[in-house]
Amino acid sequence: MESPFCPRDALQNDPAFRLIETFGYRVDSGILNLDRHLRRLERSAQFFGIALDRDATAEVLRDVQSAVDLRCRLTLAANGEVGLTTAPLAPASRRWNVSLAKQRVRSDDPWLRHKTTKRGLYDQVRASLPLGVDELLFLNERDEVCEGTITNLFVTLQNGQRVTPPLTSGLLPGVLRQCLLDQGELVEQVVTKQDLRQARGISLGNSLRGEIPSELHF
């Protein structure tokens, strides 16, 4: 019998481990969806048994100011240390070309539910995107579509309903995804390759970039 997954044990001998939140800073509106990002960070910190100092986090975030839009990366180490890096946010392509990854993920993989530095498969796939492809979507062991390397998936079905894969398929609970669910713009539903083929529309997105209209190439 396999040993049960123990979050704290998984961090042993990995000094580089960090929880991550990536979000945007806009000159005209400040940090986007900050409360949602902090709540997700707190949930992951609790899961892994990491102490999150709210005051230290707030102090770090108070320093975010810029005359240009930024990409912000907030990290939390296993010892509770908070870090922040920022960089100018480059404009995104107006439309992405998307395909399916050859590699599969497991729907029961607990790491998929948390944004961490332990994402070797995702980094590997993203670093080797085929020429002309902006994103690759993963399937799980049941042939369900899950998510992209850095994005959640949003599909407009033939009946006009907009859906996104459920967490049980194996994916990150993205902040943009949750915003759209809370606003009633999406419902959770298992998505298949056939759904993608017959879709009226496909978009990908995350909190940093928002929604990106996409075209799937099988």
Protein backbone atom coordinates (compact mmCIF):
# COMPACT_ATOMS: atom_id res chain seq x y z
CA MET A 1 0.00 0.00 0.00
CA GLU A 2 1.30 3.47 -0.90
CA SER A 3 2.01 5.90 1.92
CA PRO A 4 -0.51 8.75 2.18
CA PHE A 5 0.65 12.11 0.87
CA CYS A 6 2.01 14.24 3.73
CA PRO A 7 2.35 17.90 2.67
CA ARG A 8 4.98 18.80 5.26
CA ASP A 9 7.12 15.76 4.53
CA ALA A 10 7.08 16.66 0.85
CA LEU A 11 8.99 19.89 1.62
CA GLN A 12 11.88 18.17 3.35
CA ASN A 13 15.25 18.46 1.59
CA ASP A 14 13.87 21.04 -0.85
CA PRO A 15 15.16 24.44 0.29
CA ALA A 16 14.07 25.98 -3.00
CA PHE A 17 10.38 25.20 -2.40
CA ARG A 18 8.06 28.19 -2.53
CA LEU A 19 4.35 28.84 -2.75
CA ILE A 20 3.69 31.30 -5.57
CA GLU A 21 1.12 33.93 -6.43
CA THR A 22 1.52 35.75 -9.75
CA PHE A 23 -0.60 38.82 -10.33
CA GLY A 24 -0.71 42.06 -12.23
CA TYR A 25 -0.18 45.64 -11.14
CA ARG A 26 -1.87 48.30 -13.25
CA VAL A 27 -0.88 51.93 -13.08
CA ASP A 28 -4.51 53.04 -12.98
CA SER A 29 -5.85 50.48 -10.49
CA GLY A 30 -3.00 48.95 -8.48
CA ILE A 31 -2.71 45.21 -7.73
CA LEU A 32 -5.43 43.13 -9.36
CA ASN A 33 -7.50 40.66 -7.32
CA LEU A 34 -5.15 40.94 -4.35
CA ASP A 35 -7.62 39.62 -1.77
CA ARG A 36 -8.31 36.50 -3.84
CA HIS A 37 -4.61 35.84 -4.32
CA LEU A 38 -3.91 36.19 -0.62
CA ARG A 39 -6.79 33.88 0.27
CA ARG A 40 -5.48 31.23 -2.11
CA LEU A 41 -1.98 31.65 -0.70
CA GLU A 42 -3.34 31.25 2.81
CA ARG A 43 -5.21 28.06 1.88
CA SER A 44 -2.08 26.54 0.38
CA ALA A 45 0.01 27.64 3.36
CA GLN A 46 -2.42 25.85 5.68
CA PHE A 47 -2.32 22.73 3.50
CA PHE A 48 1.48 22.57 3.64
CA GLY A 49 1.73 23.62 7.28
CA ILE A 50 3.52 26.90 6.55
CA ALA A 51 3.09 29.95 8.75
CA LEU A 52 1.92 33.01 6.82
CA ASP A 53 2.73 36.36 8.44
CA ARG A 54 0.03 38.70 7.19
CA ASP A 55 1.84 41.83 8.44
CA ALA A 56 5.09 40.88 6.68
CA THR A 57 3.16 40.14 3.49
CA ALA A 58 1.34 43.46 3.65
CA GLU A 59 4.64 45.28 4.21
CA VAL A 60 6.16 43.70 1.10
CA LEU A 61 3.14 44.55 -1.02
CA ARG A 62 3.08 48.19 0.10
CA ASP A 63 6.29 48.72 -1.86
CA VAL A 64 4.65 47.88 -5.19
CA GLN A 65 4.55 51.13 -7.11
CA SER A 66 5.39 51.79 -10.71
CA ALA A 67 4.86 54.13 -13.63
CA VAL A 68 4.29 51.09 -15.88
CA ASP A 69 2.21 47.93 -15.59
CA LEU A 70 3.98 45.11 -13.77
CA ARG A 71 4.07 41.34 -13.47
CA CYS A 72 4.38 40.57 -9.74
CA ARG A 73 5.51 37.27 -8.22
CA LEU A 74 4.87 36.82 -4.50
CA THR A 75 6.54 33.80 -2.86
CA LEU A 76 6.26 32.10 0.51
CA ALA A 77 9.06 29.78 1.68
CA ALA A 78 8.63 26.78 3.95
CA ASN A 79 10.13 28.82 6.81
CA GLY A 80 7.54 31.60 6.32
CA GLU A 81 9.84 34.01 4.49
CA VAL A 82 7.95 36.26 2.05
CA GLY A 83 9.53 37.49 -1.18
CA LEU A 84 8.41 39.65 -4.08
CA THR A 85 9.84 40.24 -7.54
CA THR A 86 8.41 42.50 -10.22
CA ALA A 87 9.06 43.10 -13.90
CA PRO A 88 7.44 45.23 -16.60
CA LEU A 89 4.43 43.46 -18.08
CA ALA A 90 4.92 42.88 -21.78
CA PRO A 91 1.79 43.06 -23.97
CA ALA A 92 0.20 39.70 -24.72
CA SER A 93 -0.69 38.40 -28.17
CA ARG A 94 -4.27 39.24 -29.09
CA ARG A 95 -5.04 35.61 -29.98
CA TRP A 96 -3.26 32.39 -29.01
CA ASN A 97 -2.70 29.23 -30.99
CA VAL A 98 -3.27 26.21 -28.75
CA SER A 99 -2.64 22.49 -29.02
CA LEU A 100 -2.70 19.42 -26.76
CA ALA A 101 0.34 18.29 -24.78
CA LYS A 102 1.60 14.75 -25.27
CA GLN A 103 2.26 14.46 -21.54
CA ARG A 104 -0.58 13.60 -19.17
CA VAL A 105 -1.39 14.64 -15.62
CA ARG A 106 -3.10 12.65 -12.87
CA SER A 107 -6.43 13.97 -11.66
CA ASP A 108 -5.58 12.88 -8.11
CA ASP A 109 -2.20 14.66 -8.00
CA PRO A 110 -2.43 16.99 -4.94
CA TRP A 111 0.29 19.26 -6.33
CA LEU A 112 -2.01 20.41 -9.14
CA ARG A 113 -4.29 22.20 -6.66
CA HIS A 114 -1.52 24.52 -5.41
CA LYS A 115 0.73 26.98 -7.21
CA THR A 116 4.28 26.12 -6.16
CA THR A 117 7.80 25.88 -7.50
CA LYS A 118 7.30 22.12 -7.75
CA ARG A 119 5.98 22.20 -11.32
CA GLY A 120 8.70 20.51 -13.34
CA LEU A 121 6.37 19.00 -15.95
CA TYR A 122 4.61 22.31 -16.58
CA ASP A 123 7.88 24.21 -16.88
CA GLN A 124 9.33 21.56 -19.18
CA VAL A 125 6.34 21.61 -21.51
CA ARG A 126 6.18 25.41 -21.57
CA ALA A 127 9.91 25.66 -22.33
CA SER A 128 9.50 23.42 -25.39
CA LEU A 129 6.38 24.86 -27.03
CA PRO A 130 6.30 24.02 -30.74
CA LEU A 131 6.94 26.88 -33.14
CA GLY A 132 3.81 28.98 -33.55
CA VAL A 133 2.05 27.49 -30.51
CA ASP A 134 1.37 29.80 -27.55
CA GLU A 135 0.00 27.24 -25.08
CA LEU A 136 -0.48 23.48 -24.61
CA LEU A 137 -3.41 21.90 -22.80
CA PHE A 138 -3.02 18.83 -20.58
CA LEU A 139 -5.31 15.81 -20.52
CA ASN A 140 -5.65 13.53 -17.52
CA GLU A 141 -5.78 9.74 -17.29
CA ARG A 142 -9.51 9.81 -18.19
CA ASP A 143 -8.99 11.88 -21.36
CA GLU A 144 -10.52 14.92 -19.67
CA VAL A 145 -9.09 18.31 -20.59
CA CYS A 146 -7.53 20.00 -17.56
CA GLU A 147 -5.60 23.26 -18.04
CA GLY A 148 -2.67 24.85 -19.83
CA THR A 149 0.88 25.30 -18.60
CA ILE A 150 0.06 28.78 -17.24
CA THR A 151 -3.68 29.15 -17.89
CA ASN A 152 -7.12 27.84 -17.09
CA LEU A 153 -9.47 26.83 -19.90
CA PHE A 154 -12.85 28.38 -20.75
CA VAL A 155 -15.07 26.81 -23.41
CA THR A 156 -18.25 28.10 -25.05
CA LEU A 157 -20.33 25.06 -25.97
CA GLN A 158 -22.67 24.75 -28.95
CA ASN A 159 -25.64 25.70 -26.74
CA GLY A 160 -23.90 28.93 -25.73
CA GLN A 161 -23.08 27.85 -22.18
CA ARG A 162 -19.60 28.70 -20.97
CA VAL A 163 -17.84 25.99 -18.97
CA THR A 164 -14.50 25.34 -17.31
CA PRO A 165 -13.10 21.96 -16.20
CA PRO A 166 -13.82 21.05 -12.56
CA LEU A 167 -11.01 20.76 -10.03
CA THR A 168 -11.64 17.01 -9.94
CA SER A 169 -10.15 16.78 -13.44
CA GLY A 170 -6.80 17.93 -12.00
CA LEU A 171 -5.97 21.62 -12.24
CA LEU A 172 -5.13 24.80 -10.38
CA PRO A 173 -8.02 26.80 -8.90
CA GLY A 174 -7.07 29.93 -10.81
CA VAL A 175 -8.06 33.35 -9.53
CA LEU A 176 -9.55 34.52 -12.84
CA ARG A 177 -11.40 31.20 -13.12
CA GLN A 178 -12.92 31.67 -9.67
CA CYS A 179 -13.89 35.27 -10.44
CA LEU A 180 -15.81 34.14 -13.52
CA LEU A 181 -17.49 31.32 -11.60
CA ASP A 182 -18.54 33.69 -8.80
CA GLN A 183 -19.95 36.13 -11.35
CA GLY A 184 -22.04 33.37 -12.93
CA GLU A 185 -20.22 33.63 -16.26
CA LEU A 186 -19.02 30.01 -16.07
CA VAL A 187 -20.09 26.66 -14.71
CA GLU A 188 -17.88 23.69 -13.96
CA GLN A 189 -18.22 20.76 -16.33
CA VAL A 190 -15.95 17.97 -17.53
CA VAL A 191 -14.48 18.99 -20.89
CA THR A 192 -13.51 16.43 -23.53
CA LYS A 193 -11.55 16.65 -26.76
CA GLN A 194 -14.87 16.34 -28.58
CA ASP A 195 -16.14 19.38 -26.69
CA LEU A 196 -13.12 21.31 -27.92
CA ARG A 197 -13.69 20.22 -31.50
CA GLN A 198 -17.33 21.29 -31.42
CA ALA A 199 -16.91 24.43 -29.30
CA ARG A 200 -18.28 27.76 -30.46
CA GLY A 201 -15.36 29.44 -28.76
CA ILE A 202 -12.29 28.75 -26.65
CA SER A 203 -10.33 31.10 -24.44
CA LEU A 204 -7.53 30.70 -21.95
CA GLY A 205 -6.62 32.97 -19.11
CA ASN A 206 -5.15 33.78 -15.76
CA SER A 207 -5.28 36.64 -13.31
CA LEU A 208 -2.22 38.30 -14.80
CA ARG A 209 -3.35 38.37 -18.43
CA GLY A 210 -7.11 38.07 -18.24
CA GLU A 211 -8.93 36.09 -20.93
CA ILE A 212 -7.16 35.41 -24.20
CA PRO A 213 -9.23 34.29 -27.23
CA SER A 214 -7.67 31.10 -28.57
CA GLU A 215 -7.77 28.77 -31.53
CA LEU A 216 -7.19 25.05 -31.04
CA HIS A 217 -5.06 23.05 -33.48
CA PHE A 218 -5.22 19.27 -33.07
